[in-house]
Amino acid sequence: ARGPEDGNVIVMVHGFSTPAFIFEQNASALVDAGFRVVQYDH
């Protein structure tokens, strides 16, 4: 979980075989935009 604790929360759900780091570029951009981002490994 990254980003400001009072930011609007976005949960990122990855696909079949590659874990949560597949979102790294997208999550970093969302955090920089002020969102609270949650990534998780299935």
Full PDB file with SEQRES, HELIX, SHEET, SSBOND, CRYST1, ORIGX, SCALE, CONECT and MASTER records, all heavy atoms in Angstrom:
SEQRES   1 A   42  ALA ARG GLY PRO GLU ASP GLY ASN VAL ILE VAL MET VAL          
SEQRES   2 A   42  HIS GLY PHE SER THR PRO ALA PHE ILE PHE GLU GLN ASN          
SEQRES   3 A   42  ALA SER ALA LEU VAL ASP ALA GLY PHE ARG VAL VAL GLN          
SEQRES   4 A   42  TYR ASP HIS                                                  
HELIX    1 AA1 ALA A   20  PHE A   23  5                                   4    
HELIX    2 AA2 GLU A   24  ASP A   32  1                                   9    
SHEET    1 AA1 2 VAL A   9  VAL A  13  0                                        
SHEET    2 AA1 2 ARG A  36  TYR A  40  1                                        
CRYST1    1.000    1.000    1.000  90.00  90.00  90.00 P 1           1          
ORIGX1      1.000000  0.000000  0.000000        0.00000                         
ORIGX2      0.000000  1.000000  0.000000        0.00000                         
ORIGX3      0.000000  0.000000  1.000000        0.00000                         
SCALE1      1.000000  0.000000  0.000000        0.00000                         
SCALE2      0.000000  1.000000  0.000000        0.00000                         
SCALE3      0.000000  0.000000  1.000000        0.00000                         
ATOM      1  N   ALA A   1       0.858  -1.179   0.000  1.00  0.00           N  
ATOM      2  CA  ALA A   1       0.000   0.000   0.000  1.00  0.00           C  
ATOM      3  C   ALA A   1       0.893   1.227   0.000  1.00  0.00           C  
ATOM      4  O   ALA A   1       1.733   1.386   0.885  1.00  0.00           O  
ATOM      5  CB  ALA A   1      -0.922   0.005   1.209  1.00  0.00           C  
ATOM      6  N   ARG A   2       0.712   2.082  -1.002  1.00  0.00           N  
ATOM      7  CA  ARG A   2       1.563   3.265  -1.139  1.00  0.00           C  
ATOM      8  C   ARG A   2       0.714   4.493  -1.410  1.00  0.00           C  
ATOM      9  O   ARG A   2      -0.405   4.399  -1.886  1.00  0.00           O  
ATOM     10  CB  ARG A   2       2.554   3.070  -2.284  1.00  0.00           C  
ATOM     11  CG  ARG A   2       3.573   1.967  -2.042  1.00  0.00           C  
ATOM     12  CD  ARG A   2       4.578   1.894  -3.184  1.00  0.00           C  
ATOM     13  NE  ARG A   2       3.970   1.374  -4.391  1.00  0.00           N  
ATOM     14  CZ  ARG A   2       4.543   1.422  -5.603  1.00  0.00           C  
ATOM     15  NH1 ARG A   2       5.708   2.011  -5.762  1.00  0.00           N  
ATOM     16  NH2 ARG A   2       3.947   0.897  -6.640  1.00  0.00           N  
ATOM     17  N   GLY A   3       1.302   5.650  -1.138  1.00  0.00           N  
ATOM     18  CA  GLY A   3       0.605   6.897  -1.376  1.00  0.00           C  
ATOM     19  C   GLY A   3       0.022   7.466  -0.099  1.00  0.00           C  
ATOM     20  O   GLY A   3       0.021   6.812   0.949  1.00  0.00           O  
ATOM     21  N   PRO A   4      -0.470   8.691  -0.146  1.00  0.00           N  
ATOM     22  CA  PRO A   4      -1.001   9.354   1.052  1.00  0.00           C  
ATOM     23  C   PRO A   4      -2.159   8.568   1.666  1.00  0.00           C  
ATOM     24  O   PRO A   4      -3.038   8.084   0.951  1.00  0.00           O  
ATOM     25  CB  PRO A   4      -1.456  10.726   0.534  1.00  0.00           C  
ATOM     26  CG  PRO A   4      -1.613  10.553  -0.943  1.00  0.00           C  
ATOM     27  CD  PRO A   4      -0.605   9.538  -1.352  1.00  0.00           C  
ATOM     28  N   GLU A   5      -2.155   8.430   2.981  1.00  0.00           N  
ATOM     29  CA  GLU A   5      -3.183   7.646   3.653  1.00  0.00           C  
ATOM     30  C   GLU A   5      -4.569   8.250   3.492  1.00  0.00           C  
ATOM     31  O   GLU A   5      -5.571   7.531   3.616  1.00  0.00           O  
ATOM     32  CB  GLU A   5      -2.836   7.478   5.136  1.00  0.00           C  
ATOM     33  CG  GLU A   5      -1.584   6.636   5.356  1.00  0.00           C  
ATOM     34  CD  GLU A   5      -1.371   6.284   6.812  1.00  0.00           C  
ATOM     35  OE1 GLU A   5      -2.247   6.635   7.643  1.00  0.00           O  
ATOM     36  OE2 GLU A   5      -0.340   5.660   7.123  1.00  0.00           O  
ATOM     37  N   ASP A   6      -4.647   9.543   3.215  1.00  0.00           N  
ATOM     38  CA  ASP A   6      -5.949  10.169   3.016  1.00  0.00           C  
ATOM     39  C   ASP A   6      -6.318  10.267   1.539  1.00  0.00           C  
ATOM     40  O   ASP A   6      -7.323  10.890   1.174  1.00  0.00           O  
ATOM     41  CB  ASP A   6      -5.991  11.557   3.653  1.00  0.00           C  
ATOM     42  CG  ASP A   6      -4.963  12.517   3.059  1.00  0.00           C  
ATOM     43  OD1 ASP A   6      -4.068  12.047   2.310  1.00  0.00           O  
ATOM     44  OD2 ASP A   6      -5.044  13.720   3.344  1.00  0.00           O  
ATOM     45  N   GLY A   7      -5.509   9.649   0.672  1.00  0.00           N  
ATOM     46  CA  GLY A   7      -5.802   9.680  -0.760  1.00  0.00           C  
ATOM     47  C   GLY A   7      -6.912   8.703  -1.118  1.00  0.00           C  
ATOM     48  O   GLY A   7      -7.177   7.738  -0.401  1.00  0.00           O  
ATOM     49  N   ASN A   8      -7.589   8.960  -2.233  1.00  0.00           N  
ATOM     50  CA  ASN A   8      -8.610   8.040  -2.710  1.00  0.00           C  
ATOM     51  C   ASN A   8      -7.944   6.721  -3.096  1.00  0.00           C  
ATOM     52  O   ASN A   8      -6.917   6.706  -3.774  1.00  0.00           O  
ATOM     53  CB  ASN A   8      -9.342   8.641  -3.910  1.00  0.00           C  
ATOM     54  CG  ASN A   8     -10.226   9.799  -3.504  1.00  0.00           C  
ATOM     55  OD1 ASN A   8     -11.185   9.638  -2.762  1.00  0.00           O  
ATOM     56  ND2 ASN A   8      -9.884  10.983  -3.976  1.00  0.00           N  
ATOM     57  N   VAL A   9      -8.550   5.616  -2.663  1.00  0.00           N  
ATOM     58  CA  VAL A   9      -7.918   4.302  -2.788  1.00  0.00           C  
ATOM     59  C   VAL A   9      -8.212   3.658  -4.133  1.00  0.00           C  
ATOM     60  O   VAL A   9      -9.356   3.642  -4.605  1.00  0.00           O  
ATOM     61  CB  VAL A   9      -8.382   3.375  -1.652  1.00  0.00           C  
ATOM     62  CG1 VAL A   9      -7.761   1.976  -1.810  1.00  0.00           C  
ATOM     63  CG2 VAL A   9      -8.029   3.968  -0.293  1.00  0.00           C  
ATOM     64  N   ILE A  10      -7.157   3.097  -4.722  1.00  0.00           N  
ATOM     65  CA  ILE A  10      -7.276   2.313  -5.945  1.00  0.00           C  
ATOM     66  C   ILE A  10      -6.614   0.963  -5.705  1.00  0.00           C  
ATOM     67  O   ILE A  10      -5.449   0.896  -5.296  1.00  0.00           O  
ATOM     68  CB  ILE A  10      -6.615   3.017  -7.145  1.00  0.00           C  
ATOM     69  CG1 ILE A  10      -7.300   4.364  -7.405  1.00  0.00           C  
ATOM     70  CG2 ILE A  10      -6.675   2.136  -8.394  1.00  0.00           C  
ATOM     71  CD1 ILE A  10      -6.638   5.182  -8.491  1.00  0.00           C  
ATOM     72  N   VAL A  11      -7.354  -0.108  -5.944  1.00  0.00           N  
ATOM     73  CA  VAL A  11      -6.849  -1.472  -5.782  1.00  0.00           C  
ATOM     74  C   VAL A  11      -6.571  -2.042  -7.162  1.00  0.00           C  
ATOM     75  O   VAL A  11      -7.433  -1.997  -8.044  1.00  0.00           O  
ATOM     76  CB  VAL A  11      -7.862  -2.357  -5.032  1.00  0.00           C  
ATOM     77  CG1 VAL A  11      -7.369  -3.805  -4.964  1.00  0.00           C  
ATOM     78  CG2 VAL A  11      -8.099  -1.814  -3.621  1.00  0.00           C  
ATOM     79  N   MET A  12      -5.361  -2.585  -7.344  1.00  0.00           N  
ATOM     80  CA  MET A  12      -4.923  -3.072  -8.652  1.00  0.00           C  
ATOM     81  C   MET A  12      -4.873  -4.599  -8.637  1.00  0.00           C  
ATOM     82  O   MET A  12      -4.201  -5.210  -7.797  1.00  0.00           O  
ATOM     83  CB  MET A  12      -3.565  -2.474  -9.009  1.00  0.00           C  
ATOM     84  CG  MET A  12      -3.505  -0.967  -8.826  1.00  0.00           C  
ATOM     85  SD  MET A  12      -2.058  -0.163  -9.565  1.00  0.00           S  
ATOM     86  CE  MET A  12      -2.585  -0.029 -11.280  1.00  0.00           C  
ATOM     87  N   VAL A  13      -5.588  -5.212  -9.587  1.00  0.00           N  
ATOM     88  CA  VAL A  13      -5.762  -6.663  -9.637  1.00  0.00           C  
ATOM     89  C   VAL A  13      -5.063  -7.205 -10.883  1.00  0.00           C  
ATOM     90  O   VAL A  13      -5.503  -6.949 -12.008  1.00  0.00           O  
ATOM     91  CB  VAL A  13      -7.256  -7.031  -9.657  1.00  0.00           C  
ATOM     92  CG1 VAL A  13      -7.436  -8.551  -9.610  1.00  0.00           C  
ATOM     93  CG2 VAL A  13      -8.000  -6.362  -8.495  1.00  0.00           C  
ATOM     94  N   HIS A  14      -3.983  -7.937 -10.666  1.00  0.00           N  
ATOM     95  CA  HIS A  14      -3.182  -8.397 -11.808  1.00  0.00           C  
ATOM     96  C   HIS A  14      -3.793  -9.626 -12.481  1.00  0.00           C  
ATOM     97  O   HIS A  14      -4.848 -10.137 -12.071  1.00  0.00           O  
ATOM     98  CB  HIS A  14      -1.737  -8.654 -11.370  1.00  0.00           C  
ATOM     99  CG  HIS A  14      -1.530  -9.842 -10.495  1.00  0.00           C  
ATOM    100  ND1 HIS A  14      -1.480 -11.133 -10.977  1.00  0.00           N  
ATOM    101  CD2 HIS A  14      -1.323  -9.952  -9.148  1.00  0.00           C  
ATOM    102  CE1 HIS A  14      -1.252 -11.980  -9.987  1.00  0.00           C  
ATOM    103  NE2 HIS A  14      -1.156 -11.285  -8.859  1.00  0.00           N  
ATOM    104  N   GLY A  15      -3.097 -10.116 -13.501  1.00  0.00           N  
ATOM    105  CA  GLY A  15      -3.628 -11.185 -14.315  1.00  0.00           C  
ATOM    106  C   GLY A  15      -3.168 -12.572 -13.944  1.00  0.00           C  
ATOM    107  O   GLY A  15      -2.856 -12.867 -12.786  1.00  0.00           O  
ATOM    108  N   PHE A  16      -3.064 -13.432 -14.949  1.00  0.00           N  
ATOM    109  CA  PHE A  16      -2.898 -14.868 -14.767  1.00  0.00           C  
ATOM    110  C   PHE A  16      -1.579 -15.282 -14.155  1.00  0.00           C  
ATOM    111  O   PHE A  16      -1.546 -16.027 -13.172  1.00  0.00           O  
ATOM    112  CB  PHE A  16      -3.079 -15.535 -16.135  1.00  0.00           C  
ATOM    113  CG  PHE A  16      -2.853 -17.014 -16.162  1.00  0.00           C  
ATOM    114  CD1 PHE A  16      -3.716 -17.867 -15.499  1.00  0.00           C  
ATOM    115  CD2 PHE A  16      -1.789 -17.555 -16.861  1.00  0.00           C  
ATOM    116  CE1 PHE A  16      -3.527 -19.246 -15.527  1.00  0.00           C  
ATOM    117  CE2 PHE A  16      -1.589 -18.925 -16.899  1.00  0.00           C  
ATOM    118  CZ  PHE A  16      -2.460 -19.777 -16.240  1.00  0.00           C  
ATOM    119  N   SER A  17      -0.466 -14.800 -14.688  1.00  0.00           N  
ATOM    120  CA  SER A  17       0.821 -15.389 -14.313  1.00  0.00           C  
ATOM    121  C   SER A  17       1.849 -14.434 -13.728  1.00  0.00           C  
ATOM    122  O   SER A  17       2.736 -14.867 -12.994  1.00  0.00           O  
ATOM    123  CB  SER A  17       1.448 -16.090 -15.518  1.00  0.00           C  
ATOM    124  OG  SER A  17       1.657 -15.173 -16.580  1.00  0.00           O  
ATOM    125  N   THR A  18       1.773 -13.143 -14.038  1.00  0.00           N  
ATOM    126  CA  THR A  18       2.762 -12.175 -13.548  1.00  0.00           C  
ATOM    127  C   THR A  18       2.206 -11.460 -12.326  1.00  0.00           C  
ATOM    128  O   THR A  18       1.085 -10.950 -12.376  1.00  0.00           O  
ATOM    129  CB  THR A  18       3.122 -11.155 -14.638  1.00  0.00           C  
ATOM    130  OG1 THR A  18       3.530 -11.846 -15.804  1.00  0.00           O  
ATOM    131  CG2 THR A  18       4.245 -10.246 -14.174  1.00  0.00           C  
ATOM    132  N   PRO A  19       2.945 -11.388 -11.220  1.00  0.00           N  
ATOM    133  CA  PRO A  19       2.404 -10.820  -9.982  1.00  0.00           C  
ATOM    134  C   PRO A  19       2.265  -9.305 -10.012  1.00  0.00           C  
ATOM    135  O   PRO A  19       2.370  -8.669 -11.072  1.00  0.00           O  
ATOM    136  CB  PRO A  19       3.413 -11.283  -8.931  1.00  0.00           C  
ATOM    137  CG  PRO A  19       4.694 -11.422  -9.675  1.00  0.00           C  
ATOM    138  CD  PRO A  19       4.321 -11.891 -11.046  1.00  0.00           C  
ATOM    139  N   ALA A  20       2.067  -8.734  -8.822  1.00  0.00           N  
ATOM    140  CA  ALA A  20       1.653  -7.340  -8.709  1.00  0.00           C  
ATOM    141  C   ALA A  20       2.652  -6.341  -9.271  1.00  0.00           C  
ATOM    142  O   ALA A  20       2.271  -5.217  -9.625  1.00  0.00           O  
ATOM    143  CB  ALA A  20       1.370  -7.010  -7.248  1.00  0.00           C  
ATOM    144  N   PHE A  21       3.939  -6.716  -9.383  1.00  0.00           N  
ATOM    145  CA  PHE A  21       4.898  -5.728  -9.890  1.00  0.00           C  
ATOM    146  C   PHE A  21       4.661  -5.387 -11.356  1.00  0.00           C  
ATOM    147  O   PHE A  21       5.260  -4.436 -11.880  1.00  0.00           O  
ATOM    148  CB  PHE A  21       6.346  -6.166  -9.652  1.00  0.00           C  
ATOM    149  CG  PHE A  21       6.790  -7.419 -10.367  1.00  0.00           C  
ATOM    150  CD1 PHE A  21       6.901  -7.474 -11.750  1.00  0.00           C  
ATOM    151  CD2 PHE A  21       7.142  -8.550  -9.638  1.00  0.00           C  
ATOM    152  CE1 PHE A  21       7.331  -8.620 -12.402  1.00  0.00           C  
ATOM    153  CE2 PHE A  21       7.574  -9.712 -10.278  1.00  0.00           C  
ATOM    154  CZ  PHE A  21       7.664  -9.740 -11.669  1.00  0.00           C  
ATOM    155  N   ILE A  22       3.774  -6.108 -12.029  1.00  0.00           N  
ATOM    156  CA  ILE A  22       3.434  -5.772 -13.416  1.00  0.00           C  
ATOM    157  C   ILE A  22       2.812  -4.379 -13.500  1.00  0.00           C  
ATOM    158  O   ILE A  22       2.820  -3.747 -14.546  1.00  0.00           O  
ATOM    159  CB  ILE A  22       2.489  -6.828 -14.014  1.00  0.00           C  
ATOM    160  CG1 ILE A  22       2.464  -6.716 -15.547  1.00  0.00           C  
ATOM    161  CG2 ILE A  22       1.091  -6.726 -13.426  1.00  0.00           C  
ATOM    162  CD1 ILE A  22       1.741  -7.866 -16.237  1.00  0.00           C  
ATOM    163  N   PHE A  23       2.292  -3.867 -12.374  1.00  0.00           N  
ATOM    164  CA  PHE A  23       1.663  -2.548 -12.325  1.00  0.00           C  
ATOM    165  C   PHE A  23       2.625  -1.439 -11.909  1.00  0.00           C  
ATOM    166  O   PHE A  23       2.190  -0.305 -11.696  1.00  0.00           O  
ATOM    167  CB  PHE A  23       0.510  -2.556 -11.321  1.00  0.00           C  
ATOM    168  CG  PHE A  23      -0.749  -3.251 -11.779  1.00  0.00           C  
ATOM    169  CD1 PHE A  23      -1.274  -4.307 -11.052  1.00  0.00           C  
ATOM    170  CD2 PHE A  23      -1.429  -2.823 -12.912  1.00  0.00           C  
ATOM    171  CE1 PHE A  23      -2.449  -4.929 -11.435  1.00  0.00           C  
ATOM    172  CE2 PHE A  23      -2.600  -3.430 -13.304  1.00  0.00           C  
ATOM    173  CZ  PHE A  23      -3.118  -4.493 -12.576  1.00  0.00           C  
ATOM    174  N   GLU A  24       3.897  -1.719 -11.747  1.00  0.00           N  
ATOM    175  CA  GLU A  24       4.795  -0.770 -11.106  1.00  0.00           C  
ATOM    176  C   GLU A  24       4.735   0.621 -11.740  1.00  0.00           C  
ATOM    177  O   GLU A  24       4.622   1.643 -11.049  1.00  0.00           O  
ATOM    178  CB  GLU A  24       6.226  -1.294 -11.122  1.00  0.00           C  
ATOM    179  CG  GLU A  24       7.205  -0.430 -10.353  1.00  0.00           C  
ATOM    180  CD  GLU A  24       6.816  -0.248  -8.891  1.00  0.00           C  
ATOM    181  OE1 GLU A  24       6.254  -1.199  -8.300  1.00  0.00           O  
ATOM    182  OE2 GLU A  24       7.048   0.842  -8.354  1.00  0.00           O  
ATOM    183  N   GLN A  25       4.832   0.691 -13.064  1.00  0.00           N  
ATOM    184  CA  GLN A  25       4.826   2.009 -13.718  1.00  0.00           C  
ATOM    185  C   GLN A  25       3.497   2.731 -13.505  1.00  0.00           C  
ATOM    186  O   GLN A  25       3.454   3.951 -13.332  1.00  0.00           O  
ATOM    187  CB  GLN A  25       5.115   1.866 -15.217  1.00  0.00           C  
ATOM    188  CG  GLN A  25       6.545   1.470 -15.540  1.00  0.00           C  
ATOM    189  CD  GLN A  25       6.760  -0.018 -15.672  1.00  0.00           C  
ATOM    190  OE1 GLN A  25       6.043  -0.817 -15.066  1.00  0.00           O  
ATOM    191  NE2 GLN A  25       7.733  -0.410 -16.484  1.00  0.00           N  
ATOM    192  N   ASN A  26       2.400   1.990 -13.523  1.00  0.00           N  
ATOM    193  CA  ASN A  26       1.075   2.597 -13.344  1.00  0.00           C  
ATOM    194  C   ASN A  26       0.854   3.023 -11.896  1.00  0.00           C  
ATOM    195  O   ASN A  26       0.356   4.116 -11.627  1.00  0.00           O  
ATOM    196  CB  ASN A  26      -0.019   1.612 -13.754  1.00  0.00           C  
ATOM    197  CG  ASN A  26       0.283   0.870 -15.032  1.00  0.00           C  
ATOM    198  OD1 ASN A  26       0.391  -0.353 -15.018  1.00  0.00           O  
ATOM    199  ND2 ASN A  26       0.458   1.581 -16.131  1.00  0.00           N  
ATOM    200  N   ALA A  27       1.247   2.150 -10.949  1.00  0.00           N  
ATOM    201  CA  ALA A  27       1.057   2.460  -9.538  1.00  0.00           C  
ATOM    202  C   ALA A  27       1.862   3.690  -9.130  1.00  0.00           C  
ATOM    203  O   ALA A  27       1.373   4.553  -8.388  1.00  0.00           O  
ATOM    204  CB  ALA A  27       1.445   1.255  -8.682  1.00  0.00           C  
ATOM    205  N   SER A  28       3.095   3.784  -9.615  1.00  0.00           N  
ATOM    206  CA  SER A  28       3.937   4.935  -9.268  1.00  0.00           C  
ATOM    207  C   SER A  28       3.315   6.227  -9.765  1.00  0.00           C  
ATOM    208  O   SER A  28       3.328   7.253  -9.065  1.00  0.00           O  
ATOM    209  CB  SER A  28       5.336   4.751  -9.862  1.00  0.00           C  
ATOM    210  OG  SER A  28       5.991   3.647  -9.274  1.00  0.00           O  
ATOM    211  N   ALA A  29       2.744   6.193 -10.967  1.00  0.00           N  
ATOM    212  CA  ALA A  29       2.101   7.389 -11.516  1.00  0.00           C  
ATOM    213  C   ALA A  29       0.877   7.774 -10.696  1.00  0.00           C  
ATOM    214  O   ALA A  29       0.628   8.965 -10.444  1.00  0.00           O  
ATOM    215  CB  ALA A  29       1.716   7.148 -12.979  1.00  0.00           C  
ATOM    216  N   LEU A  30       0.096   6.794 -10.268  1.00  0.00           N  
ATOM    217  CA  LEU A  30      -1.081   7.076  -9.452  1.00  0.00           C  
ATOM    218  C   LEU A  30      -0.690   7.652  -8.096  1.00  0.00           C  
ATOM    219  O   LEU A  30      -1.328   8.581  -7.594  1.00  0.00           O  
ATOM    220  CB  LEU A  30      -1.903   5.800  -9.261  1.00  0.00           C  
ATOM    221  CG  LEU A  30      -2.689   5.311 -10.483  1.00  0.00           C  
ATOM    222  CD1 LEU A  30      -3.201   3.897 -10.250  1.00  0.00           C  
ATOM    223  CD2 LEU A  30      -3.843   6.252 -10.805  1.00  0.00           C  
ATOM    224  N   VAL A  31       0.364   7.105  -7.492  1.00  0.00           N  
ATOM    225  CA  VAL A  31       0.845   7.621  -6.211  1.00  0.00           C  
ATOM    226  C   VAL A  31       1.301   9.065  -6.370  1.00  0.00           C  
ATOM    227  O   VAL A  31       0.976   9.931  -5.535  1.00  0.00           O  
ATOM    228  CB  VAL A  31       1.990   6.737  -5.672  1.00  0.00           C  
ATOM    229  CG1 VAL A  31       2.687   7.423  -4.497  1.00  0.00           C  
ATOM    230  CG2 VAL A  31       1.453   5.374  -5.242  1.00  0.00           C  
ATOM    231  N   ASP A  32       2.022   9.334  -7.435  1.00  0.00           N  
ATOM    232  CA  ASP A  32       2.482  10.706  -7.683  1.00  0.00           C  
ATOM    233  C   ASP A  32       1.312  11.664  -7.881  1.00  0.00           C  
ATOM    234  O   ASP A  32       1.439  12.865  -7.610  1.00  0.00           O  
ATOM    235  CB  ASP A  32       3.390  10.741  -8.919  1.00  0.00           C  
ATOM    236  CG  ASP A  32       4.742  10.091  -8.675  1.00  0.00           C  
ATOM    237  OD1 ASP A  32       5.106   9.884  -7.496  1.00  0.00           O  
ATOM    238  OD2 ASP A  32       5.436   9.782  -9.664  1.00  0.00           O  
ATOM    239  N   ALA A  33       0.186  11.123  -8.352  1.00  0.00           N  
ATOM    240  CA  ALA A  33      -1.003  11.951  -8.569  1.00  0.00           C  
ATOM    241  C   ALA A  33      -1.841  12.095  -7.299  1.00  0.00           C  
ATOM    242  O   ALA A  33      -2.891  12.745  -7.317  1.00  0.00           O  
ATOM    243  CB  ALA A  33      -1.862  11.353  -9.685  1.00  0.00           C  
ATOM    244  N   GLY A  34      -1.378  11.489  -6.187  1.00  0.00           N  
ATOM    245  CA  GLY A  34      -2.046  11.676  -4.911  1.00  0.00           C  
ATOM    246  C   GLY A  34      -2.980  10.569  -4.475  1.00  0.00           C  
ATOM    247  O   GLY A  34      -3.700  10.711  -3.477  1.00  0.00           O  
ATOM    248  N   PHE A  35      -2.981   9.445  -5.207  1.00  0.00           N  
ATOM    249  CA  PHE A  35      -3.852   8.337  -4.832  1.00  0.00           C  
ATOM    250  C   PHE A  35      -3.167   7.390  -3.843  1.00  0.00           C  
ATOM    251  O   PHE A  35      -1.938   7.300  -3.797  1.00  0.00           O  
ATOM    252  CB  PHE A  35      -4.272   7.542  -6.079  1.00  0.00           C  
ATOM    253  CG  PHE A  35      -5.175   8.311  -7.004  1.00  0.00           C  
ATOM    254  CD1 PHE A  35      -4.661   8.999  -8.097  1.00  0.00           C  
ATOM    255  CD2 PHE A  35      -6.546   8.348  -6.784  1.00  0.00           C  
ATOM    256  CE1 PHE A  35      -5.485   9.713  -8.954  1.00  0.00           C  
ATOM    257  CE2 PHE A  35      -7.381   9.065  -7.635  1.00  0.00           C  
ATOM    258  CZ  PHE A  35      -6.848   9.748  -8.715  1.00  0.00           C  
ATOM    259  N   ARG A  36      -3.977   6.699  -3.090  1.00  0.00           N  
ATOM    260  CA  ARG A  36      -3.518   5.615  -2.223  1.00  0.00           C  
ATOM    261  C   ARG A  36      -3.681   4.322  -3.031  1.00  0.00           C  
ATOM    262  O   ARG A  36      -4.805   3.947  -3.385  1.00  0.00           O  
ATOM    263  CB  ARG A  36      -4.361   5.552  -0.955  1.00  0.00           C  
ATOM    264  CG  ARG A  36      -3.988   4.439   0.027  1.00  0.00           C  
ATOM    265  CD  ARG A  36      -2.700   4.734   0.743  1.00  0.00           C  
ATOM    266  NE  ARG A  36      -2.469   3.804   1.858  1.00  0.00           N  
ATOM    267  CZ  ARG A  36      -1.318   3.730   2.513  1.00  0.00           C  
ATOM    268  NH1 ARG A  36      -0.302   4.516   2.185  1.00  0.00           N  
ATOM    269  NH2 ARG A  36      -1.184   2.884   3.517  1.00  0.00           N  
ATOM    270  N   VAL A  37      -2.591   3.640  -3.345  1.00  0.00           N  
ATOM    271  CA  VAL A  37      -2.611   2.505  -4.262  1.00  0.00           C  
ATOM    272  C   VAL A  37      -2.283   1.211  -3.526  1.00  0.00           C  
ATOM    273  O   VAL A  37      -1.291   1.137  -2.788  1.00  0.00           O  
ATOM    274  CB  VAL A  37      -1.612   2.716  -5.422  1.00  0.00           C  
ATOM    275  CG1 VAL A  37      -1.629   1.520  -6.369  1.00  0.00           C  
ATOM    276  CG2 VAL A  37      -1.954   3.995  -6.185  1.00  0.00           C  
ATOM    277  N   VAL A  38      -3.110   0.211  -3.742  1.00  0.00           N  
ATOM    278  CA  VAL A  38      -2.899  -1.111  -3.153  1.00  0.00           C  
ATOM    279  C   VAL A  38      -2.685  -2.115  -4.285  1.00  0.00           C  
ATOM    280  O   VAL A  38      -3.527  -2.255  -5.169  1.00  0.00           O  
ATOM    281  CB  VAL A  38      -4.098  -1.553  -2.295  1.00  0.00           C  
ATOM    282  CG1 VAL A  38      -3.868  -2.956  -1.744  1.00  0.00           C  
ATOM    283  CG2 VAL A  38      -4.355  -0.563  -1.162  1.00  0.00           C  
ATOM    284  N   GLN A  39      -1.533  -2.793  -4.258  1.00  0.00           N  
ATOM    285  CA  GLN A  39      -1.238  -3.892  -5.176  1.00  0.00           C  
ATOM    286  C   GLN A  39      -1.121  -5.167  -4.350  1.00  0.00           C  
ATOM    287  O   GLN A  39      -0.627  -5.123  -3.227  1.00  0.00           O  
ATOM    288  CB  GLN A  39       0.092  -3.657  -5.908  1.00  0.00           C  
ATOM    289  CG  GLN A  39       0.140  -2.397  -6.755  1.00  0.00           C  
ATOM    290  CD  GLN A  39       1.578  -1.995  -7.060  1.00  0.00           C  
ATOM    291  OE1 GLN A  39       2.085  -1.055  -6.453  1.00  0.00           O  
ATOM    292  NE2 GLN A  39       2.237  -2.701  -7.967  1.00  0.00           N  
ATOM    293  N   TYR A  40      -1.547  -6.272  -4.899  1.00  0.00           N  
ATOM    294  CA  TYR A  40      -1.422  -7.539  -4.168  1.00  0.00           C  
ATOM    295  C   TYR A  40      -1.162  -8.680  -5.137  1.00  0.00           C  
ATOM    296  O   TYR A  40      -1.519  -8.607  -6.316  1.00  0.00           O  
ATOM    297  CB  TYR A  40      -2.669  -7.818  -3.323  1.00  0.00           C  
ATOM    298  CG  TYR A  40      -3.913  -8.199  -4.106  1.00  0.00           C  
ATOM    299  CD1 TYR A  40      -4.305  -9.539  -4.214  1.00  0.00           C  
ATOM    300  CD2 TYR A  40      -4.708  -7.230  -4.724  1.00  0.00           C  
ATOM    301  CE1 TYR A  40      -5.446  -9.888  -4.915  1.00  0.00           C  
ATOM    302  CE2 TYR A  40      -5.843  -7.573  -5.419  1.00  0.00           C  
ATOM    303  CZ  TYR A  40      -6.221  -8.899  -5.524  1.00  0.00           C  
ATOM    304  OH  TYR A  40      -7.351  -9.255  -6.212  1.00  0.00           O  
ATOM    305  N   ASP A  41      -0.512  -9.719  -4.625  1.00  0.00           N  
ATOM    306  CA  ASP A  41      -0.243 -10.926  -5.398  1.00  0.00           C  
ATOM    307  C   ASP A  41      -1.385 -11.913  -5.202  1.00  0.00           C  
ATOM    308  O   ASP A  41      -1.720 -12.258  -4.056  1.00  0.00           O  
ATOM    309  CB  ASP A  41       1.049 -11.609  -4.939  1.00  0.00           C  
ATOM    310  CG  ASP A  41       2.296 -10.779  -5.212  1.00  0.00           C  
ATOM    311  OD1 ASP A  41       2.285  -9.983  -6.164  1.00  0.00           O  
ATOM    312  OD2 ASP A  41       3.288 -10.941  -4.470  1.00  0.00           O  
ATOM    313  N   HIS A  42      -1.965 -12.381  -6.296  1.00  0.00           N  
ATOM    314  CA  HIS A  42      -2.947 -13.454  -6.158  1.00  0.00           C  
ATOM    315  C   HIS A  42      -2.326 -14.637  -5.423  1.00  0.00           C  
ATOM    316  O   HIS A  42      -1.109 -14.880  -5.525  1.00  0.00           O  
ATOM    317  CB  HIS A  42      -3.403 -13.954  -7.538  1.00  0.00           C  
ATOM    318  CG  HIS A  42      -4.276 -13.007  -8.272  1.00  0.00           C  
ATOM    319  ND1 HIS A  42      -5.409 -12.441  -7.720  1.00  0.00           N  
ATOM    320  CD2 HIS A  42      -4.216 -12.544  -9.555  1.00  0.00           C  
ATOM    321  CE1 HIS A  42      -5.989 -11.661  -8.614  1.00  0.00           C  
ATOM    322  NE2 HIS A  42      -5.282 -11.699  -9.728  1.00  0.00           N  
TER     323      HIS A  42                                                      
MASTER        0    0    0    2    2    0    0    6  322    1    0    4          
END                                                                             
